[in-house]
Protein backbone atom coordinates (compact mmCIF):
# COMPACT_ATOMS: atom_id res chain seq x y z
CA MET A 1 0.00 0.00 0.00
CA THR A 2 1.43 3.30 -1.04
CA GLU A 3 1.02 6.23 1.34
CA ARG A 4 0.03 9.48 -0.25
CA ALA A 5 1.65 12.61 1.09
CA ALA A 6 -0.75 15.06 2.68
CA PRO A 7 -1.35 18.11 0.49
CA LEU A 8 0.57 21.19 1.48
CA ARG A 9 -1.57 23.87 3.10
CA ARG A 10 -1.28 27.30 1.70
CA ASN A 11 -1.16 30.19 4.08
CA HIS A 12 -3.96 32.50 3.08
CA PRO A 13 -3.43 36.07 4.28
CA SER A 14 -6.18 37.55 6.43
CA PRO A 15 -8.35 40.40 5.09
CA ALA A 16 -6.40 42.84 7.28
CA GLU A 17 -3.10 41.62 5.86
CA ARG A 18 -4.40 42.02 2.32
CA VAL A 19 -5.48 45.56 3.16
CA ARG A 20 -2.03 46.27 4.61
CA ARG A 21 -0.44 45.11 1.35
CA ARG A 22 -2.63 47.48 -0.64
CA LEU A 23 -1.78 50.35 1.69
CA SER A 24 1.91 49.53 1.77
CA ALA A 25 2.24 50.24 -1.93
CA MET A 26 0.72 53.68 -1.40
CA VAL A 27 1.80 54.90 2.04
CA GLY A 28 4.74 52.66 2.95
CA ALA A 29 5.07 49.44 4.92
CA ALA A 30 5.69 51.07 8.32
CA LEU A 31 2.44 53.03 8.27
CA ALA A 32 0.46 50.18 6.72
CA ARG A 33 1.44 47.91 9.63
CA GLU A 34 -0.53 50.18 11.98
CA MET A 35 -3.81 48.92 10.49
CA PRO A 36 -5.39 46.72 13.22
CA SER A 37 -6.60 43.27 12.25
CA GLY A 38 -9.94 43.47 14.06
CA TYR A 39 -13.23 44.55 12.52
CA HIS A 40 -16.97 43.98 12.89
CA ARG A 41 -19.03 43.02 9.88
CA PHE A 42 -22.80 43.47 9.93
CA GLY A 43 -24.10 42.22 6.61
CA ARG A 44 -23.21 44.84 4.01
CA VAL A 45 -21.63 47.21 6.56
CA LEU A 46 -18.14 47.03 8.08
CA ILE A 47 -17.05 48.89 11.25
CA LEU A 48 -13.35 49.54 11.89
CA GLN A 49 -11.28 51.06 14.64
CA ARG A 50 -8.06 52.52 13.28
CA PRO A 51 -5.34 54.71 14.82
CA ALA A 52 -5.43 58.46 14.23
CA THR A 53 -2.21 58.19 12.21
CA LEU A 54 -4.18 56.48 9.45
CA ALA A 55 -7.01 59.04 9.38
CA PRO A 56 -5.52 60.95 6.39
CA TYR A 57 -5.81 57.72 4.38
CA ASP A 58 -9.45 56.92 5.17
CA ASP A 59 -10.45 57.04 1.51
CA LEU A 60 -7.78 54.44 0.69
CA LEU A 61 -8.76 52.34 3.69
CA GLY A 62 -12.44 52.41 2.85
CA GLU A 63 -11.95 51.28 -0.73
CA ALA A 64 -9.39 48.63 0.25
CA TRP A 65 -11.71 47.05 2.81
CA ARG A 66 -14.67 47.22 0.42
CA LYS A 67 -12.71 45.34 -2.23
CA GLU A 68 -11.30 42.74 0.16
CA LEU A 69 -14.54 41.85 1.95
CA GLY A 70 -17.13 42.81 -0.66
CA VAL A 71 -19.03 45.10 1.70
CA GLU A 72 -21.00 48.13 0.56
CA THR A 73 -20.22 50.60 3.33
CA VAL A 74 -17.25 51.10 5.69
CA LEU A 75 -17.52 53.04 8.96
CA VAL A 76 -14.75 54.00 11.38
CA LYS A 77 -15.17 54.69 15.09
CA SER A 78 -14.67 58.39 15.77
CA GLY A 79 -15.23 58.41 19.53
CA PRO A 80 -16.80 56.61 22.49
CA VAL A 81 -20.47 55.72 22.72
CA GLU A 82 -22.47 58.80 23.73
CA GLY A 83 -25.13 59.50 26.33
CA GLU A 84 -27.95 57.60 27.96
CA LEU A 85 -29.16 56.37 24.58
CA ARG A 86 -25.70 54.87 23.92
CA THR A 87 -25.39 56.35 20.45
CA PRO A 88 -22.31 55.15 18.53
CA ARG A 89 -19.90 57.74 17.12
CA LEU A 90 -19.01 56.59 13.63
CA ARG A 91 -17.87 58.20 10.38
CA CYS A 92 -18.51 56.82 6.92
CA ILE A 93 -15.33 56.43 4.82
CA ALA A 94 -16.77 54.40 1.93
CA GLY A 95 -20.29 54.00 0.60
CA ASP A 96 -23.32 55.71 2.10
CA ARG A 97 -25.92 53.03 2.87
CA THR A 98 -25.68 52.14 6.54
CA GLU A 99 -28.93 50.19 7.01
CA THR A 100 -28.17 46.49 7.15
CA GLU A 101 -29.49 43.14 8.31
CA VAL A 102 -27.95 40.40 10.45
CA VAL A 103 -29.23 36.86 11.02
CA GLU A 104 -28.36 35.27 14.36
CA HIS A 105 -29.70 31.95 15.68
CA GLY A 106 -32.63 32.24 13.28
CA VAL A 107 -33.51 35.81 14.32
CA ARG A 108 -33.37 38.63 11.76
CA TRP A 109 -32.15 42.02 12.95
CA ARG A 110 -32.46 45.12 10.77
CA PHE A 111 -30.85 48.38 11.91
CA ALA A 112 -28.87 51.44 10.83
CA ALA A 113 -25.29 50.59 11.82
CA ALA A 114 -24.29 54.28 11.93
CA ARG A 115 -26.99 55.10 14.49
CA ILE A 116 -27.62 51.91 16.46
CA MET A 117 -25.26 49.69 18.46
CA PHE A 118 -25.28 45.95 17.85
CA ALA A 119 -22.97 44.01 20.18
CA ILE A 120 -21.78 40.80 18.55
CA GLY A 121 -20.32 39.73 21.90
CA ASN A 122 -23.84 39.48 23.37
CA ARG A 123 -24.79 36.68 20.95
CA ALA A 124 -24.56 33.87 23.50
CA GLU A 125 -26.46 35.87 26.11
CA ARG A 126 -29.30 36.60 23.66
CA ARG A 127 -29.58 32.89 22.93
CA ARG A 128 -29.28 31.89 26.61
CA LEU A 129 -32.03 34.23 27.75
CA GLY A 130 -34.38 33.03 25.06
CA ALA A 131 -33.78 29.44 26.15
CA LEU A 132 -34.44 30.29 29.83
CA VAL A 133 -37.96 31.55 29.18
CA ALA A 134 -40.68 28.97 29.78
CA PRO A 135 -43.80 28.78 27.60
CA GLY A 136 -46.49 31.14 28.80
CA GLU A 137 -44.27 33.54 30.75
CA ARG A 138 -44.93 37.27 30.80
CA VAL A 139 -41.75 39.27 30.29
CA ALA A 140 -40.88 42.97 30.55
CA ASP A 141 -37.81 44.21 28.65
CA LEU A 142 -37.07 47.69 29.98
CA PHE A 143 -34.21 48.45 27.55
CA ALA A 144 -35.57 46.82 24.42
CA GLY A 145 -33.43 48.63 21.82
CA ILE A 146 -34.12 47.03 18.44
CA GLY A 147 -35.34 43.85 20.13
CA TYR A 148 -32.03 42.32 21.25
CA PHE A 149 -33.70 40.28 24.02
CA THR A 150 -37.35 40.97 23.24
CA ILE A 151 -37.41 38.89 20.07
CA PRO A 152 -35.50 35.82 21.36
CA VAL A 153 -37.86 35.54 24.35
CA ALA A 154 -40.96 36.10 22.18
CA LEU A 155 -40.26 33.33 19.66
CA PRO A 156 -42.89 30.56 19.43
CA GLY A 157 -42.88 28.22 22.40
CA ARG A 158 -41.51 30.84 24.77
CA ALA A 159 -43.12 33.92 26.40
CA SER A 160 -46.82 34.43 25.81
CA SER A 161 -46.38 38.21 26.06
CA VAL A 162 -43.49 40.67 26.14
CA TRP A 163 -43.71 44.36 26.99
CA ALA A 164 -40.81 46.08 25.22
CA VAL A 165 -39.93 49.56 26.49
CA GLU A 166 -37.57 51.78 24.49
CA LYS A 167 -36.75 55.49 24.74
CA ASN A 168 -34.71 56.04 21.54
CA PRO A 169 -37.10 56.86 18.64
CA VAL A 170 -34.69 55.41 16.06
CA SER A 171 -34.49 52.15 17.99
CA VAL A 172 -38.29 52.06 18.37
CA ARG A 173 -38.64 52.22 14.60
CA TYR A 174 -36.34 49.22 14.11
CA LEU A 175 -37.86 47.42 17.09
CA ARG A 176 -41.24 47.48 15.35
CA GLU A 177 -39.67 46.38 12.06
CA ASN A 178 -37.82 43.49 13.67
CA ILE A 179 -40.89 42.32 15.53
CA ALA A 180 -42.70 42.13 12.18
CA LEU A 181 -39.73 40.53 10.40
CA ASN A 182 -39.70 37.73 12.96
CA GLY A 183 -43.46 37.26 13.10
CA VAL A 184 -43.96 37.91 16.82
CA GLU A 185 -46.34 40.88 16.59
CA ASP A 186 -49.05 38.97 18.47
CA ARG A 187 -46.79 38.55 21.51
CA VAL A 188 -45.03 41.91 21.83
CA THR A 189 -46.39 45.23 23.08
CA VAL A 190 -44.08 48.13 22.20
CA VAL A 191 -44.02 50.93 24.78
CA PRO A 192 -42.13 54.01 23.51
CA GLY A 193 -40.73 56.24 26.22
CA ASP A 194 -38.68 56.35 29.41
CA ASN A 195 -39.00 53.11 31.38
CA ARG A 196 -38.94 55.10 34.63
CA THR A 197 -42.18 56.90 33.83
CA VAL A 198 -44.22 54.91 31.27
CA GLU A 199 -47.29 53.03 32.44
CA LEU A 200 -46.68 49.30 32.87
CA PRO A 201 -48.87 46.69 34.60
CA ARG A 202 -47.38 46.28 38.06
CA GLY A 203 -47.23 42.89 39.73
CA SER A 204 -47.77 41.15 36.39
CA PHE A 205 -44.47 39.75 35.11
CA ASP A 206 -42.58 36.51 35.56
CA ARG A 207 -39.31 37.96 34.27
CA VAL A 208 -37.79 41.44 33.81
CA VAL A 209 -34.77 42.16 31.63
CA LEU A 210 -32.48 45.08 32.52
CA GLY A 211 -30.00 45.12 29.64
CA TYR A 212 -28.29 48.44 30.19
CA LEU A 213 -24.61 49.33 30.61
CA PRO A 214 -22.54 50.44 32.40
CA SER A 215 -25.01 49.48 35.14
CA ALA A 216 -28.70 48.58 35.33
CA VAL A 217 -28.56 48.20 39.13
CA PRO A 218 -30.42 51.52 39.71
CA TRP A 219 -33.43 50.00 37.87
CA VAL A 220 -33.76 47.00 40.19
CA PRO A 221 -36.53 48.64 42.31
CA ARG A 222 -38.50 49.36 39.11
CA ALA A 223 -38.15 45.71 38.11
CA VAL A 224 -39.27 44.47 41.52
CA GLU A 225 -42.52 46.43 41.37
CA LEU A 226 -43.30 44.78 38.03
CA LEU A 227 -42.79 41.21 39.26
CA SER A 228 -45.67 38.88 40.10
CA PRO A 229 -46.44 38.72 43.86
CA HIS A 230 -45.25 35.10 43.73
CA GLY A 231 -41.87 36.29 42.50
CA GLY A 232 -39.88 36.02 39.31
CA TRP A 233 -36.54 36.58 37.61
CA VAL A 234 -34.66 39.83 37.09
CA HIS A 235 -31.64 39.84 34.76
CA VAL A 236 -29.38 42.77 35.66
CA HIS A 237 -26.52 43.80 33.36
CA LEU A 238 -23.53 45.76 34.63
CA VAL A 239 -19.79 46.26 34.15
CA GLY A 240 -17.36 44.85 36.71
CA ASP A 241 -13.64 45.14 37.36
CA VAL A 242 -11.87 41.86 36.54
CA ARG A 243 -9.86 42.17 39.77
CA VAL A 244 -13.03 42.12 41.87
CA PRO A 245 -14.91 38.85 42.59
CA VAL A 246 -18.10 38.58 40.54
CA SER A 247 -19.93 37.91 43.79
CA ASN A 248 -19.69 41.67 44.39
CA ALA A 249 -22.04 42.20 41.46
CA ALA A 250 -24.58 39.87 43.04
CA ALA A 251 -24.22 41.72 46.36
CA LEU A 252 -24.97 45.05 44.64
CA VAL A 253 -28.16 43.68 43.12
CA GLU A 254 -29.25 41.97 46.36
CA ALA A 255 -28.73 45.17 48.37
CA ARG A 256 -30.75 47.23 45.88
CA ALA A 257 -33.57 44.68 45.89
CA ALA A 258 -33.56 44.57 49.70
CA SER A 259 -33.90 48.36 49.80
CA VAL A 260 -37.46 47.97 48.45
CA GLY A 261 -38.28 44.91 50.55
CA ALA A 262 -37.65 42.19 47.97
CA ARG A 263 -36.00 38.96 49.07
CA ALA A 264 -33.97 36.42 47.17
CA LEU A 265 -35.69 33.08 46.54
CA GLU A 266 -32.38 31.36 45.74
CA PRO A 267 -28.71 32.28 45.45
CA PHE A 268 -27.98 34.71 42.64
CA ALA A 269 -25.97 33.58 39.62
CA VAL A 270 -23.44 35.83 37.88
CA ARG A 271 -22.18 35.26 34.35
CA VAL A 272 -19.49 36.97 32.30
CA VAL A 273 -21.08 38.04 29.01
CA LYS A 274 -17.93 39.41 27.34
CA PRO A 275 -14.84 41.56 27.96
CA TYR A 276 -15.70 45.25 28.20
CA GLY A 277 -12.55 47.23 27.64
CA PRO A 278 -9.24 46.88 29.51
CA GLY A 279 -9.64 45.29 32.91
CA ARG A 280 -13.43 45.13 32.84
CA ASN A 281 -16.12 42.57 32.04
CA HIS A 282 -19.74 42.84 31.01
CA LEU A 283 -21.65 40.81 33.63
CA VAL A 284 -25.24 39.70 34.08
CA VAL A 285 -26.78 38.81 37.43
CA ASP A 286 -29.71 36.36 37.38
CA ALA A 287 -31.78 37.16 40.46
CA ARG A 288 -34.93 35.30 41.49
CA LEU A 289 -36.83 37.69 43.74
CA ARG A 290 -40.13 37.98 45.54
CA PRO A 291 -41.55 41.47 46.16
CA SER A 292 -42.52 42.42 49.72
């Protein structure tokens, strides 16, 4: 029996390396090497973070990335996320159509990438929360956005009703679109406005989602008043220092719940959702509480 040699594998350069080669011919190898390898692709739209030294070459960068990845529009981050509505600061360097669509675990998300944040790193948490919801539950999502958690929990076989509260008018528009795209209109009630002041049925929900960063802990009392008298789950998102035990996050939530007379029905669970900048993690606390 004759052994056949395994075929040699060719090293295919990454998209970033191909972009660097294009730039190198125009601006020199030293400057081209400053192009980071990371990027986020959302359908036809690409979002980059590049050093300020490459800003004069944005036109070249935009066209290079468009050709290498076949995207329609390229955006670069121009600053940190702004304000309570967490508006991204992005600048278009190629193309002009920023509305796009992403499919994730069977859910379709449509949004304007230049105006709305979509965290790829929250993918597993979106799926996990949807799987936690039992058929027939009533759920309140107080930071619904474009339906990040609302739609996964409203899919057939899960919550019977979801009240989705959202303050940002742009997000509300896409929230309604995404609800229709995914065929869950009969289960979701959209409530535009500030979740601290809108009218919601108190004492009616089995689960409340608080998906806000850097910390949703201040909204725990609002969640407690919405829970069924028999108790229910509150999912509290916050940012924690990696040097601090995650149990501190649970203690923060428990103290805030206790301040309005709620008690824990079982030990809280804390999960790391994703890294959140240097030395910090995005956490979620799963708290099963009973109102006073």
